[in-house]
Amino acid sequence: MAHAVGAASALEEQRMRNSNIRRRRHGPRAASALILVLAALLPALAPAATCQAQSGPMQAALIELYTSEGCNSCPPADRWLAQLAAEPALAGHAVPLALHVDYWDGLGWRDRFAHASFSARQRALTAAQGSKTVFTPQVMINGHTAWDWDSKSAFDRQMAEIGARPAPVTLVLNVTADPGVWQIQLRGQLQARLSAARAGAFLALYQNGLSSQITAGENAARQLRHERVVLQLVGPLPVGADGRFTHAYRFKLPANAEARDFGVAAFVQDQTDGQVWQALALAACSG
């Protein structure tokens, strides 16, 4: 019996040694596997990018270009707007936006960036100026048609005049950029002299670096390039009786798009005469 017990004890001791060896061998492998799993999860667990912009003490200019890929006089205006968007001296002083209208769509080429609501906005702003005639390219600066936009001296003079005016509105834009979705918060304050009842706030999602190969219509066989193309325009959003407002909105970015190509613009406008009181843009918010 003593021999049997001793053999059993020796066998148990051997099992324990083998178990320790297995733990030593598999322990590092298990730890490595756990590290790899955690590393794979880190991007998903990382916090979303958050960006902010605030308007300055002086007024900025909202520059709206009403354009169409079906209009053969529009490409020069598209290039002009792209140059404005790339001009460092205008950063913070001008917010260029391209709004593609849809009334050219039945004349040979359908513009994929066109929206009926942009055409309606163009008509409404034109009517507020006492006219019924809309056209492309039409440039509006702070809500009013700029007839000499293609004159550098006239344009520079108008920018200087606008930039010398104290801003009657303060705007703050916050963007939280999740993959494929931007959560927007817009806050603002009107000066007491402005009519809150007449004011409307707007948010616009725009995209840069776009191009189209045109195969029909007035621009057939041309490749057109676009910057600051408005994809969505939200507003007018209400302003409180005390001149304060806070609005949240969720912009969904197009599939397979790069966040660096997008931006958000905000502006406040008099809904009676179309005058824009302040504008602000925040570009390329990404992690």
Foldseek 3Di string as FASTA:
>chain_A
DVVVVVVVVVVVVVVVVVVVVVCVVCVVVVVVVVVVVVVVCVVVVDFFFKDKDKADFAFAKEKEWEAEPQDPVAQVVQVVLVVLVVDPVRASRYHYAYAYAQPSCVFKHGGPLHDPVSVVLQQLLQVLVVDRDDDPGFMDMQSHTDPPCVDVVVVVVVSVVRRVHGFQKMKMWMWGDDVQKIKIKIKMAGHPVDQQVQKFKKKWKFFAFDWDQACIHPQHRDIGHGANYTRDMDDRDHADRRRIDMDIDMDGHDPPDQLQGMKMKMWMAGNNNSGTRHIDMDGRGGD
